[in-house]
Amino acid sequence: MGGLGGAVWHGVKGFRNSPYGERRLGALTAIKARAPVLGGNFGVWGGLFSSFDCAVKGVRRREDPYNASELTLFCLGICFGGGGGGEGRLGGGFSGGRRLIGRT
């Protein structure tokens, strides 16, 4: 799924940023260069989501919607918010926990 979405995204981007006569070649070159990276990032996100989901289920010892929606995405937001320091991690955690359930 990540590789296919990456191919579409980077193909359109390469098509638009290429000169008029080389648009197809530019799209193909962009797909070859960047789509595997995006697919790999999607795989890392999926693996961490599964790991945190199992960890939260193990700690709470129950199966309910809070595991997948709020707590797991809170842990993912903290994990991926590392570039902003402690404040960025907490902000990423809170926004990640709200993202799936639709609250803003």
C-alpha atoms as a PDB file:
ATOM      1  CA  MET A   1       0.000   0.000   0.000  1.00  0.00           C
ATOM      2  CA  GLY A   2       2.796   2.426   0.855  1.00  0.00           C
ATOM      3  CA  GLY A   3       4.712   1.565  -2.310  1.00  0.00           C
ATOM      4  CA  LEU A   4       1.656   2.050  -4.525  1.00  0.00           C
ATOM      5  CA  GLY A   5       0.709   5.354  -2.901  1.00  0.00           C
ATOM      6  CA  GLY A   6       4.317   6.489  -3.147  1.00  0.00           C
ATOM      7  CA  ALA A   7       4.435   5.590  -6.830  1.00  0.00           C
ATOM      8  CA  VAL A   8       1.343   7.670  -7.557  1.00  0.00           C
ATOM      9  CA  TRP A   9       2.474  10.636  -5.451  1.00  0.00           C
ATOM     10  CA  HIS A  10       6.019  10.809  -6.750  1.00  0.00           C
ATOM     11  CA  GLY A  11       4.968  10.011 -10.310  1.00  0.00           C
ATOM     12  CA  VAL A  12       2.665  13.032 -10.398  1.00  0.00           C
ATOM     13  CA  LYS A  13       5.316  15.167  -8.711  1.00  0.00           C
ATOM     14  CA  GLY A  14       8.002  14.084 -11.198  1.00  0.00           C
ATOM     15  CA  PHE A  15       5.626  14.646 -14.121  1.00  0.00           C
ATOM     16  CA  ARG A  16       4.824  18.188 -13.037  1.00  0.00           C
ATOM     17  CA  ASN A  17       8.417  19.173 -12.300  1.00  0.00           C
ATOM     18  CA  SER A  18       9.907  17.906 -15.574  1.00  0.00           C
ATOM     19  CA  PRO A  19      10.368  19.857 -18.824  1.00  0.00           C
ATOM     20  CA  TYR A  20       7.632  19.506 -21.428  1.00  0.00           C
ATOM     21  CA  GLY A  21       9.297  16.909 -23.656  1.00  0.00           C
ATOM     22  CA  GLU A  22      10.543  14.659 -20.829  1.00  0.00           C
ATOM     23  CA  ARG A  23       7.556  14.419 -18.521  1.00  0.00           C
ATOM     24  CA  ARG A  24       7.067  10.652 -18.753  1.00  0.00           C
ATOM     25  CA  LEU A  25      10.746  10.017 -18.144  1.00  0.00           C
ATOM     26  CA  GLY A  26      10.746  12.482 -15.237  1.00  0.00           C
ATOM     27  CA  ALA A  27       7.762  10.734 -13.664  1.00  0.00           C
ATOM     28  CA  LEU A  28       9.409   7.325 -14.001  1.00  0.00           C
ATOM     29  CA  THR A  29      12.695   8.597 -12.582  1.00  0.00           C
ATOM     30  CA  ALA A  30      10.939  10.142  -9.587  1.00  0.00           C
ATOM     31  CA  ILE A  31       9.052   6.909  -8.931  1.00  0.00           C
ATOM     32  CA  LYS A  32      12.246   4.857  -9.049  1.00  0.00           C
ATOM     33  CA  ALA A  33      14.025   7.247  -6.696  1.00  0.00           C
ATOM     34  CA  ARG A  34      11.448   8.002  -3.998  1.00  0.00           C
ATOM     35  CA  ALA A  35       8.625   5.443  -3.934  1.00  0.00           C
ATOM     36  CA  PRO A  36      10.655   2.726  -2.150  1.00  0.00           C
ATOM     37  CA  VAL A  37      11.506   5.212   0.604  1.00  0.00           C
ATOM     38  CA  LEU A  38       7.857   6.067   1.163  1.00  0.00           C
ATOM     39  CA  GLY A  39       6.906   2.389   1.119  1.00  0.00           C
ATOM     40  CA  GLY A  40       9.580   1.649   3.702  1.00  0.00           C
ATOM     41  CA  ASN A  41       8.349   4.466   5.929  1.00  0.00           C
ATOM     42  CA  PHE A  42       4.827   3.041   5.731  1.00  0.00           C
ATOM     43  CA  GLY A  43       6.187  -0.360   6.751  1.00  0.00           C
ATOM     44  CA  VAL A  44       7.988   1.107   9.760  1.00  0.00           C
ATOM     45  CA  TRP A  45       4.829   2.940  10.819  1.00  0.00           C
ATOM     46  CA  GLY A  46       2.772  -0.264  10.530  1.00  0.00           C
ATOM     47  CA  GLY A  47       5.300  -2.299  12.487  1.00  0.00           C
ATOM     48  CA  LEU A  48       5.496   0.249  15.298  1.00  0.00           C
ATOM     49  CA  PHE A  49       1.703   0.542  15.404  1.00  0.00           C
ATOM     50  CA  SER A  50       1.376  -3.230  15.830  1.00  0.00           C
ATOM     51  CA  SER A  51       4.099  -3.306  18.479  1.00  0.00           C
ATOM     52  CA  PHE A  52       2.563  -0.498  20.512  1.00  0.00           C
ATOM     53  CA  ASP A  53      -0.917  -2.001  20.110  1.00  0.00           C
ATOM     54  CA  CYS A  54       0.258  -5.334  21.542  1.00  0.00           C
ATOM     55  CA  ALA A  55       2.149  -3.576  24.347  1.00  0.00           C
ATOM     56  CA  VAL A  56      -0.891  -1.515  25.343  1.00  0.00           C
ATOM     57  CA  LYS A  57      -3.108  -4.625  25.288  1.00  0.00           C
ATOM     58  CA  GLY A  58      -0.593  -6.441  27.485  1.00  0.00           C
ATOM     59  CA  VAL A  59      -0.364  -3.637  30.032  1.00  0.00           C
ATOM     60  CA  ARG A  60      -4.103  -2.909  30.227  1.00  0.00           C
ATOM     61  CA  ARG A  61      -5.146  -6.592  29.965  1.00  0.00           C
ATOM     62  CA  ARG A  62      -8.312  -5.730  28.076  1.00  0.00           C
ATOM     63  CA  GLU A  63      -9.446  -5.316  24.496  1.00  0.00           C
ATOM     64  CA  ASP A  64     -11.297  -2.067  23.865  1.00  0.00           C
ATOM     65  CA  PRO A  65     -11.307   0.817  21.357  1.00  0.00           C
ATOM     66  CA  TYR A  66      -8.991   2.954  23.509  1.00  0.00           C
ATOM     67  CA  ASN A  67      -6.091   0.595  22.812  1.00  0.00           C
ATOM     68  CA  ALA A  68      -5.937   1.175  19.063  1.00  0.00           C
ATOM     69  CA  SER A  69      -7.258   4.680  18.800  1.00  0.00           C
ATOM     70  CA  GLU A  70      -5.929   6.775  21.621  1.00  0.00           C
ATOM     71  CA  LEU A  71      -3.158   5.041  23.509  1.00  0.00           C
ATOM     72  CA  THR A  72      -1.395   3.384  20.587  1.00  0.00           C
ATOM     73  CA  LEU A  73      -1.399   6.543  18.482  1.00  0.00           C
ATOM     74  CA  PHE A  74      -0.266   8.524  21.532  1.00  0.00           C
ATOM     75  CA  CYS A  75       2.782   6.237  21.759  1.00  0.00           C
ATOM     76  CA  LEU A  76       3.409   6.576  18.006  1.00  0.00           C
ATOM     77  CA  GLY A  77       3.205  10.367  18.209  1.00  0.00           C
ATOM     78  CA  ILE A  78       5.758  10.383  21.012  1.00  0.00           C
ATOM     79  CA  CYS A  79       8.025   8.061  19.036  1.00  0.00           C
ATOM     80  CA  PHE A  80       7.889  10.086  15.806  1.00  0.00           C
ATOM     81  CA  GLY A  81       7.947  13.524  17.482  1.00  0.00           C
ATOM     82  CA  GLY A  82      11.575  13.199  18.527  1.00  0.00           C
ATOM     83  CA  GLY A  83      12.894  16.002  16.342  1.00  0.00           C
ATOM     84  CA  GLY A  84      11.149  18.668  18.395  1.00  0.00           C
ATOM     85  CA  GLY A  85      12.539  17.711  21.802  1.00  0.00           C
ATOM     86  CA  GLY A  86      10.386  16.945  24.816  1.00  0.00           C
ATOM     87  CA  GLU A  87       7.728  19.492  23.980  1.00  0.00           C
ATOM     88  CA  GLY A  88       7.525  18.228  20.392  1.00  0.00           C
ATOM     89  CA  ARG A  89       7.168  14.654  21.600  1.00  0.00           C
ATOM     90  CA  LEU A  90       4.258  15.501  23.876  1.00  0.00           C
ATOM     91  CA  GLY A  91       2.572  17.587  21.185  1.00  0.00           C
ATOM     92  CA  GLY A  92       2.994  14.749  18.703  1.00  0.00           C
ATOM     93  CA  GLY A  93       1.617  12.282  21.215  1.00  0.00           C
ATOM     94  CA  PHE A  94      -1.500  14.282  21.965  1.00  0.00           C
ATOM     95  CA  SER A  95      -2.197  15.064  18.313  1.00  0.00           C
ATOM     96  CA  GLY A  96      -1.592  11.414  17.380  1.00  0.00           C
ATOM     97  CA  GLY A  97      -4.019  10.231  20.051  1.00  0.00           C
ATOM     98  CA  ARG A  98      -6.747  12.516  18.733  1.00  0.00           C
ATOM     99  CA  ARG A  99      -6.132  11.868  15.053  1.00  0.00           C
ATOM    100  CA  LEU A 100      -7.918   8.558  14.560  1.00  0.00           C
ATOM    101  CA  ILE A 101     -10.992   9.273  16.636  1.00  0.00           C
ATOM    102  CA  GLY A 102     -11.647  12.622  14.920  1.00  0.00           C
ATOM    103  CA  ARG A 103     -11.547  14.996  17.865  1.00  0.00           C
ATOM    104  CA  THR A 104      -9.736  18.306  17.424  1.00  0.00           C
END
